[in-house]
PDB file of N, CA and C in Angstrom:
ATOM      1  N   MET A   1     -23.622   7.652 -17.492  1.00  0.00           N
ATOM      2  CA  MET A   1     -23.106   6.633 -18.619  1.00  0.00           C
ATOM      3  C   MET A   1     -21.708   6.292 -18.699  1.00  0.00           C
ATOM      4  N   THR A   2     -21.460   5.656 -18.924  1.00  0.00           N
ATOM      5  CA  THR A   2     -20.432   4.267 -18.820  1.00  0.00           C
ATOM      6  C   THR A   2     -18.968   4.685 -19.855  1.00  0.00           C
ATOM      7  N   TYR A   3     -18.003   4.532 -18.799  1.00  0.00           N
ATOM      8  CA  TYR A   3     -16.613   4.706 -18.816  1.00  0.00           C
ATOM      9  C   TYR A   3     -16.202   3.756 -19.989  1.00  0.00           C
ATOM     10  N   ARG A   4     -14.934   3.751 -20.548  1.00  0.00           N
ATOM     11  CA  ARG A   4     -14.566   2.857 -21.508  1.00  0.00           C
ATOM     12  C   ARG A   4     -12.551   2.814 -21.033  1.00  0.00           C
ATOM     13  N   LEU A   5     -12.783   1.214 -21.199  1.00  0.00           N
ATOM     14  CA  LEU A   5     -11.465   0.856 -20.492  1.00  0.00           C
ATOM     15  C   LEU A   5     -10.116   1.205 -21.715  1.00  0.00           C
ATOM     16  N   ARG A   6      -9.184   1.338 -21.531  1.00  0.00           N
ATOM     17  CA  ARG A   6      -8.212   1.837 -22.216  1.00  0.00           C
ATOM     18  C   ARG A   6      -6.796   0.906 -21.586  1.00  0.00           C
ATOM     19  N   LEU A   7      -6.315   0.152 -22.195  1.00  0.00           N
ATOM     20  CA  LEU A   7      -4.763  -0.514 -22.276  1.00  0.00           C
ATOM     21  C   LEU A   7      -4.149  -0.612 -22.900  1.00  0.00           C
ATOM     22  N   ASP A   8      -2.813  -0.267 -22.664  1.00  0.00           N
ATOM     23  CA  ASP A   8      -1.882   0.023 -23.325  1.00  0.00           C
ATOM     24  C   ASP A   8      -1.385  -1.645 -23.721  1.00  0.00           C
ATOM     25  N   PRO A   9      -0.640  -1.454 -24.736  1.00  0.00           N
ATOM     26  CA  PRO A   9      -0.783  -3.150 -25.172  1.00  0.00           C
ATOM     27  C   PRO A   9       0.296  -3.804 -23.803  1.00  0.00           C
ATOM     28  N   THR A  10       1.771  -3.038 -23.771  1.00  0.00           N
ATOM     29  CA  THR A  10       2.194  -3.468 -22.489  1.00  0.00           C
ATOM     30  C   THR A  10       1.608  -4.033 -20.992  1.00  0.00           C
ATOM     31  N   VAL A  11       0.515  -3.235 -21.032  1.00  0.00           N
ATOM     32  CA  VAL A  11      -0.068  -3.416 -19.962  1.00  0.00           C
ATOM     33  C   VAL A  11      -1.107  -4.712 -20.022  1.00  0.00           C
ATOM     34  N   HIS A  12      -1.573  -4.444 -21.361  1.00  0.00           N
ATOM     35  CA  HIS A  12      -2.553  -6.018 -21.762  1.00  0.00           C
ATOM     36  C   HIS A  12      -1.800  -7.571 -21.437  1.00  0.00           C
ATOM     37  N   ALA A  13      -0.419  -7.453 -22.354  1.00  0.00           N
ATOM     38  CA  ALA A  13       0.429  -8.457 -22.010  1.00  0.00           C
ATOM     39  C   ALA A  13       0.961  -8.532 -20.313  1.00  0.00           C
ATOM     40  N   ILE A  14       0.811  -7.908 -19.742  1.00  0.00           N
ATOM     41  CA  ILE A  14       0.813  -8.223 -18.172  1.00  0.00           C
ATOM     42  C   ILE A  14      -0.065  -8.779 -17.954  1.00  0.00           C
ATOM     43  N   TYR A  15      -1.332  -8.095 -18.197  1.00  0.00           N
ATOM     44  CA  TYR A  15      -2.417  -8.513 -17.960  1.00  0.00           C
ATOM     45  C   TYR A  15      -2.445 -10.162 -18.365  1.00  0.00           C
ATOM     46  N   ALA A  16      -2.282 -10.445 -19.877  1.00  0.00           N
ATOM     47  CA  ALA A  16      -2.653 -11.630 -19.933  1.00  0.00           C
ATOM     48  C   ALA A  16      -1.744 -12.774 -19.458  1.00  0.00           C
ATOM     49  N   ALA A  17      -0.371 -12.539 -19.004  1.00  0.00           N
ATOM     50  CA  ALA A  17       0.576 -13.493 -18.422  1.00  0.00           C
ATOM     51  C   ALA A  17       0.059 -13.666 -16.892  1.00  0.00           C
ATOM     52  N   LEU A  18      -0.943 -12.870 -15.946  1.00  0.00           N
ATOM     53  CA  LEU A  18      -0.804 -13.398 -15.327  1.00  0.00           C
ATOM     54  C   LEU A  18      -1.931 -14.845 -14.888  1.00  0.00           C
ATOM     55  N   PRO A  19      -1.965 -15.208 -13.577  1.00  0.00           N
ATOM     56  CA  PRO A  19      -3.116 -16.562 -13.278  1.00  0.00           C
ATOM     57  C   PRO A  19      -4.232 -16.472 -13.733  1.00  0.00           C
ATOM     58  N   GLU A  20      -5.247 -17.291 -14.001  1.00  0.00           N
ATOM     59  CA  GLU A  20      -6.449 -16.911 -14.181  1.00  0.00           C
ATOM     60  C   GLU A  20      -7.193 -16.176 -12.931  1.00  0.00           C
ATOM     61  N   GLN A  21      -6.925 -16.573 -11.619  1.00  0.00           N
ATOM     62  CA  GLN A  21      -7.635 -15.576 -10.166  1.00  0.00           C
ATOM     63  C   GLN A  21      -7.540 -14.480 -10.425  1.00  0.00           C
ATOM     64  N   ALA A  22      -6.318 -14.048 -11.071  1.00  0.00           N
ATOM     65  CA  ALA A  22      -5.914 -12.304 -10.476  1.00  0.00           C
ATOM     66  C   ALA A  22      -6.525 -11.976 -12.183  1.00  0.00           C
ATOM     67  N   ARG A  23      -6.425 -12.519 -13.091  1.00  0.00           N
ATOM     68  CA  ARG A  23      -7.524 -11.701 -14.307  1.00  0.00           C
ATOM     69  C   ARG A  23      -8.831 -12.150 -14.239  1.00  0.00           C
ATOM     70  N   ARG A  24      -9.429 -12.591 -13.072  1.00  0.00           N
ATOM     71  CA  ARG A  24     -10.960 -12.852 -12.389  1.00  0.00           C
ATOM     72  C   ARG A  24     -10.940 -11.093 -11.551  1.00  0.00           C
ATOM     73  N   ASP A  25      -9.871 -11.316 -10.786  1.00  0.00           N
ATOM     74  CA  ASP A  25      -9.829  -9.626  -9.768  1.00  0.00           C
ATOM     75  C   ASP A  25      -9.728  -8.589 -10.603  1.00  0.00           C
ATOM     76  N   ILE A  26      -9.238  -8.772 -11.617  1.00  0.00           N
ATOM     77  CA  ILE A  26      -9.146  -7.426 -12.390  1.00  0.00           C
ATOM     78  C   ILE A  26     -10.036  -7.271 -13.083  1.00  0.00           C
ATOM     79  N   ALA A  27     -11.485  -8.329 -13.761  1.00  0.00           N
ATOM     80  CA  ALA A  27     -12.527  -8.051 -14.295  1.00  0.00           C
ATOM     81  C   ALA A  27     -13.108  -7.409 -13.293  1.00  0.00           C
ATOM     82  N   VAL A  28     -13.527  -8.095 -11.879  1.00  0.00           N
ATOM     83  CA  VAL A  28     -14.322  -7.257 -11.001  1.00  0.00           C
ATOM     84  C   VAL A  28     -13.813  -6.029 -10.527  1.00  0.00           C
ATOM     85  N   ILE A  29     -12.955  -5.754 -10.531  1.00  0.00           N
ATOM     86  CA  ILE A  29     -12.807  -4.499 -10.410  1.00  0.00           C
ATOM     87  C   ILE A  29     -12.839  -3.068 -11.304  1.00  0.00           C
ATOM     88  N   LEU A  30     -12.613  -3.560 -12.909  1.00  0.00           N
ATOM     89  CA  LEU A  30     -13.033  -2.791 -13.738  1.00  0.00           C
ATOM     90  C   LEU A  30     -13.931  -2.509 -13.904  1.00  0.00           C
ATOM     91  N   LEU A  31     -14.985  -4.044 -13.768  1.00  0.00           N
ATOM     92  CA  LEU A  31     -16.688  -3.847 -13.783  1.00  0.00           C
ATOM     93  C   LEU A  31     -16.939  -3.306 -13.212  1.00  0.00           C
ATOM     94  N   ASP A  32     -16.565  -3.039 -11.761  1.00  0.00           N
ATOM     95  CA  ASP A  32     -17.405  -2.265 -10.928  1.00  0.00           C
ATOM     96  C   ASP A  32     -17.012  -0.390 -11.284  1.00  0.00           C
ATOM     97  N   ALA A  33     -15.817  -0.225 -11.752  1.00  0.00           N
ATOM     98  CA  ALA A  33     -15.583   0.833 -11.891  1.00  0.00           C
ATOM     99  C   ALA A  33     -15.611   1.459 -13.228  1.00  0.00           C
ATOM    100  N   LEU A  34     -16.299   0.967 -14.054  1.00  0.00           N
ATOM    101  CA  LEU A  34     -16.936   1.226 -15.212  1.00  0.00           C
ATOM    102  C   LEU A  34     -17.988   2.577 -15.087  1.00  0.00           C
ATOM    103  N   GLU A  35     -18.901   2.324 -14.369  1.00  0.00           N
ATOM    104  CA  GLU A  35     -19.953   3.045 -14.204  1.00  0.00           C
ATOM    105  C   GLU A  35     -19.655   4.288 -13.352  1.00  0.00           C
ATOM    106  N   ASP A  36     -18.874   4.396 -12.484  1.00  0.00           N
ATOM    107  CA  ASP A  36     -18.719   5.298 -11.055  1.00  0.00           C
ATOM    108  C   ASP A  36     -16.883   5.026 -10.920  1.00  0.00           C
ATOM    109  N   PRO A  37     -16.278   5.470 -11.292  1.00  0.00           N
ATOM    110  CA  PRO A  37     -14.653   5.099 -10.800  1.00  0.00           C
ATOM    111  C   PRO A  37     -14.232   5.553  -9.844  1.00  0.00           C
ATOM    112  N   LEU A  38     -14.685   6.928  -9.736  1.00  0.00           N
ATOM    113  CA  LEU A  38     -14.233   7.284  -8.333  1.00  0.00           C
ATOM    114  C   LEU A  38     -14.826   6.647  -6.820  1.00  0.00           C
ATOM    115  N   ALA A  39     -16.520   6.150  -6.855  1.00  0.00           N
ATOM    116  CA  ALA A  39     -17.201   5.681  -5.879  1.00  0.00           C
ATOM    117  C   ALA A  39     -15.911   4.152  -5.365  1.00  0.00           C
ATOM    118  N   HIS A  40     -15.568   3.683  -6.772  1.00  0.00           N
ATOM    119  CA  HIS A  40     -14.823   2.250  -6.794  1.00  0.00           C
ATOM    120  C   HIS A  40     -13.068   2.544  -6.436  1.00  0.00           C
ATOM    121  N   SER A  41     -12.677   3.507  -6.335  1.00  0.00           N
ATOM    122  CA  SER A  41     -11.463   3.273  -6.040  1.00  0.00           C
ATOM    123  C   SER A  41     -10.895   4.714  -5.238  1.00  0.00           C
ATOM    124  N   THR A  42      -9.767   4.547  -4.955  1.00  0.00           N
ATOM    125  CA  THR A  42      -9.074   5.431  -3.790  1.00  0.00           C
ATOM    126  C   THR A  42      -8.032   6.313  -4.523  1.00  0.00           C
ATOM    127  N   PRO A  43      -7.716   7.578  -4.108  1.00  0.00           N
ATOM    128  CA  PRO A  43      -6.726   8.386  -4.339  1.00  0.00           C
ATOM    129  C   PRO A  43      -5.156   7.567  -4.764  1.00  0.00           C
ATOM    130  N   TYR A  44      -4.224   7.866  -5.535  1.00  0.00           N
ATOM    131  CA  TYR A  44      -3.598   7.479  -5.611  1.00  0.00           C
ATOM    132  C   TYR A  44      -2.130   8.865  -5.190  1.00  0.00           C
ATOM    133  N   GLY A  45      -1.479   8.425  -4.169  1.00  0.00           N
ATOM    134  CA  GLY A  45      -1.063   9.569  -3.625  1.00  0.00           C
ATOM    135  C   GLY A  45      -2.327  10.875  -3.769  1.00  0.00           C
ATOM    136  N   GLU A  46      -1.889  11.984  -3.833  1.00  0.00           N
ATOM    137  CA  GLU A  46      -2.754  13.007  -3.828  1.00  0.00           C
ATOM    138  C   GLU A  46      -3.832  12.990  -4.143  1.00  0.00           C
ATOM    139  N   ASP A  47      -5.114  13.349  -3.872  1.00  0.00           N
ATOM    140  CA  ASP A  47      -6.380  13.249  -4.402  1.00  0.00           C
ATOM    141  C   ASP A  47      -6.492  14.162  -5.409  1.00  0.00           C
ATOM    142  N   ASP A  48      -6.921  13.964  -6.441  1.00  0.00           N
ATOM    143  CA  ASP A  48      -6.799  14.978  -7.647  1.00  0.00           C
ATOM    144  C   ASP A  48      -7.564  14.243  -8.290  1.00  0.00           C
ATOM    145  N   GLY A  49      -8.402  13.055  -8.284  1.00  0.00           N
ATOM    146  CA  GLY A  49      -9.738  12.928  -9.015  1.00  0.00           C
ATOM    147  C   GLY A  49      -9.653  12.029 -10.411  1.00  0.00           C
ATOM    148  N   ILE A  50      -7.590  11.918 -10.406  1.00  0.00           N
ATOM    149  CA  ILE A  50      -7.539  11.542 -11.558  1.00  0.00           C
ATOM    150  C   ILE A  50      -6.599  10.606 -11.503  1.00  0.00           C
ATOM    151  N   MET A  51      -5.751  10.300 -10.982  1.00  0.00           N
ATOM    152  CA  MET A  51      -4.332   8.752 -10.741  1.00  0.00           C
ATOM    153  C   MET A  51      -5.698   8.358  -9.730  1.00  0.00           C
ATOM    154  N   ARG A  52      -5.814   7.329  -9.945  1.00  0.00           N
ATOM    155  CA  ARG A  52      -6.576   6.154  -8.998  1.00  0.00           C
ATOM    156  C   ARG A  52      -6.255   5.215  -8.394  1.00  0.00           C
ATOM    157  N   THR A  53      -5.941   4.559  -7.758  1.00  0.00           N
ATOM    158  CA  THR A  53      -6.016   3.118  -7.215  1.00  0.00           C
ATOM    159  C   THR A  53      -7.286   1.831  -7.305  1.00  0.00           C
ATOM    160  N   LEU A  54      -7.477   0.964  -8.120  1.00  0.00           N
ATOM    161  CA  LEU A  54      -8.230  -0.267  -7.786  1.00  0.00           C
ATOM    162  C   LEU A  54      -7.854  -1.144  -7.574  1.00  0.00           C
ATOM    163  N   ALA A  55      -8.460  -1.931  -6.443  1.00  0.00           N
ATOM    164  CA  ALA A  55      -7.825  -3.079  -5.696  1.00  0.00           C
ATOM    165  C   ALA A  55      -9.239  -3.926  -5.740  1.00  0.00           C
ATOM    166  N   HIS A  56      -8.738  -5.372  -5.517  1.00  0.00           N
ATOM    167  CA  HIS A  56      -9.438  -6.683  -5.287  1.00  0.00           C
ATOM    168  C   HIS A  56      -8.682  -7.342  -4.963  1.00  0.00           C
ATOM    169  N   GLY A  57      -9.190  -8.551  -3.907  1.00  0.00           N
ATOM    170  CA  GLY A  57      -8.325  -9.853  -4.040  1.00  0.00           C
ATOM    171  C   GLY A  57      -7.055 -10.016  -4.044  1.00  0.00           C
ATOM    172  N   TYR A  58      -5.952 -10.083  -4.922  1.00  0.00           N
ATOM    173  CA  TYR A  58      -4.734 -10.040  -4.811  1.00  0.00           C
ATOM    174  C   TYR A  58      -4.313  -9.040  -6.001  1.00  0.00           C
ATOM    175  N   VAL A  59      -4.795  -8.378  -6.116  1.00  0.00           N
ATOM    176  CA  VAL A  59      -4.088  -7.009  -7.183  1.00  0.00           C
ATOM    177  C   VAL A  59      -4.850  -5.609  -7.013  1.00  0.00           C
ATOM    178  N   ALA A  60      -3.898  -5.212  -7.747  1.00  0.00           N
ATOM    179  CA  ALA A  60      -4.026  -3.427  -6.864  1.00  0.00           C
ATOM    180  C   ALA A  60      -4.172  -3.182  -8.604  1.00  0.00           C
ATOM    181  N   LEU A  61      -4.451  -2.147  -9.355  1.00  0.00           N
ATOM    182  CA  LEU A  61      -4.347  -1.165 -10.804  1.00  0.00           C
ATOM    183  C   LEU A  61      -4.163   0.329 -10.512  1.00  0.00           C
ATOM    184  N   ALA A  62      -3.191   0.726 -10.988  1.00  0.00           N
ATOM    185  CA  ALA A  62      -3.050   2.364 -11.135  1.00  0.00           C
ATOM    186  C   ALA A  62      -3.672   2.661 -11.992  1.00  0.00           C
ATOM    187  N   ALA A  63      -4.828   3.591 -12.071  1.00  0.00           N
ATOM    188  CA  ALA A  63      -5.229   4.036 -13.432  1.00  0.00           C
ATOM    189  C   ALA A  63      -5.544   5.626 -13.548  1.00  0.00           C
ATOM    190  N   LEU A  64      -5.365   6.076 -14.994  1.00  0.00           N
ATOM    191  CA  LEU A  64      -5.920   7.334 -14.955  1.00  0.00           C
ATOM    192  C   LEU A  64      -7.362   7.584 -15.271  1.00  0.00           C
ATOM    193  N   ILE A  65      -7.957   8.445 -14.655  1.00  0.00           N
ATOM    194  CA  ILE A  65      -9.461   8.161 -14.987  1.00  0.00           C
ATOM    195  C   ILE A  65      -9.623   9.667 -15.891  1.00  0.00           C
ATOM    196  N   GLY A  66     -10.314   9.666 -17.226  1.00  0.00           N
ATOM    197  CA  GLY A  66     -10.034  10.851 -17.736  1.00  0.00           C
ATOM    198  C   GLY A  66     -12.049  10.739 -18.009  1.00  0.00           C
ATOM    199  N   HIS A  67     -12.072  12.452 -17.061  1.00  0.00           N
ATOM    200  CA  HIS A  67     -13.572  12.578 -16.762  1.00  0.00           C
ATOM    201  C   HIS A  67     -14.408  12.640 -17.916  1.00  0.00           C
ATOM    202  N   GLU A  68     -13.539  14.073 -18.953  1.00  0.00           N
ATOM    203  CA  GLU A  68     -14.307  14.412 -19.749  1.00  0.00           C
ATOM    204  C   GLU A  68     -14.604  13.458 -21.084  1.00  0.00           C
ATOM    205  N   SER A  69     -13.351  12.560 -21.635  1.00  0.00           N
ATOM    206  CA  SER A  69     -13.528  11.500 -22.469  1.00  0.00           C
ATOM    207  C   SER A  69     -14.255  10.334 -21.912  1.00  0.00           C
ATOM    208  N   ARG A  70     -14.438  10.226 -20.957  1.00  0.00           N
ATOM    209  CA  ARG A  70     -15.152   9.123 -20.098  1.00  0.00           C
ATOM    210  C   ARG A  70     -14.116   7.810 -20.153  1.00  0.00           C
ATOM    211  N   THR A  71     -13.058   7.792 -20.009  1.00  0.00           N
ATOM    212  CA  THR A  71     -12.277   6.684 -20.033  1.00  0.00           C
ATOM    213  C   THR A  71     -11.380   6.810 -18.786  1.00  0.00           C
ATOM    214  N   ILE A  72     -11.159   4.879 -18.599  1.00  0.00           N
ATOM    215  CA  ILE A  72     -10.044   4.641 -17.456  1.00  0.00           C
ATOM    216  C   ILE A  72      -9.050   4.209 -18.366  1.00  0.00           C
ATOM    217  N   THR A  73      -8.001   4.262 -18.092  1.00  0.00           N
ATOM    218  CA  THR A  73      -6.807   3.943 -18.644  1.00  0.00           C
ATOM    219  C   THR A  73      -5.930   3.134 -16.960  1.00  0.00           C
ATOM    220  N   VAL A  74      -5.335   2.106 -17.924  1.00  0.00           N
ATOM    221  CA  VAL A  74      -5.021   1.126 -16.785  1.00  0.00           C
ATOM    222  C   VAL A  74      -3.213   1.540 -17.026  1.00  0.00           C
ATOM    223  N   VAL A  75      -2.870   2.257 -16.223  1.00  0.00           N
ATOM    224  CA  VAL A  75      -1.037   2.179 -15.999  1.00  0.00           C
ATOM    225  C   VAL A  75       0.202   1.216 -15.471  1.00  0.00           C
ATOM    226  N   GLN A  76      -0.822   0.586 -14.763  1.00  0.00           N
ATOM    227  CA  GLN A  76       0.064  -0.074 -13.726  1.00  0.00           C
ATOM    228  C   GLN A  76      -0.389  -1.939 -13.005  1.00  0.00           C
ATOM    229  N   ILE A  77      -0.376  -2.851 -13.245  1.00  0.00           N
ATOM    230  CA  ILE A  77      -0.888  -3.412 -12.525  1.00  0.00           C
ATOM    231  C   ILE A  77      -0.019  -4.240 -11.477  1.00  0.00           C
ATOM    232  N   ASN A  78      -0.032  -4.531 -10.362  1.00  0.00           N
ATOM    233  CA  ASN A  78       0.153  -5.210  -9.299  1.00  0.00           C
ATOM    234  C   ASN A  78      -0.019  -6.151  -8.900  1.00  0.00           C
ATOM    235  N   TYR A  79       0.705  -7.244  -8.235  1.00  0.00           N
ATOM    236  CA  TYR A  79      -0.206  -8.940  -8.494  1.00  0.00           C
ATOM    237  C   TYR A  79       0.808  -9.188  -7.303  1.00  0.00           C
ATOM    238  N   VAL A  80       0.246  -9.555  -5.630  1.00  0.00           N
ATOM    239  CA  VAL A  80       1.092 -10.197  -4.845  1.00  0.00           C
ATOM    240  C   VAL A  80       1.129 -11.678  -4.701  1.00  0.00           C
ATOM    241  N   GLY A  81       0.594 -12.306  -5.519  1.00  0.00           N
ATOM    242  CA  GLY A  81       0.698 -13.626  -5.768  1.00  0.00           C
ATOM    243  C   GLY A  81      -0.020 -14.286  -4.369  1.00  0.00           C
ATOM    244  N   ARG A  82      -0.040 -15.624  -4.713  1.00  0.00           N
ATOM    245  CA  ARG A  82      -0.646 -16.503  -3.789  1.00  0.00           C
ATOM    246  C   ARG A  82      -0.341 -17.756  -4.219  1.00  0.00           C
TER     247      ARG A  82
END
């Protein structure tokens, strides 16, 4: 079963302001993670299986994985630029 994506309006505004390539990198990250977020992420600090880091190219996301609700909630976007 596929997970659902959740973005706060503030996080979405950050996403929308990024350059096209960074938005593509985020799309790759999230599309890969929707089927199996643990397989496509690494622990964010202590490995609790909930707070995860997802990265590709020049971007990294911090996300909460809701296993029971089957959601991925992006809480932070980091872009290193290029």
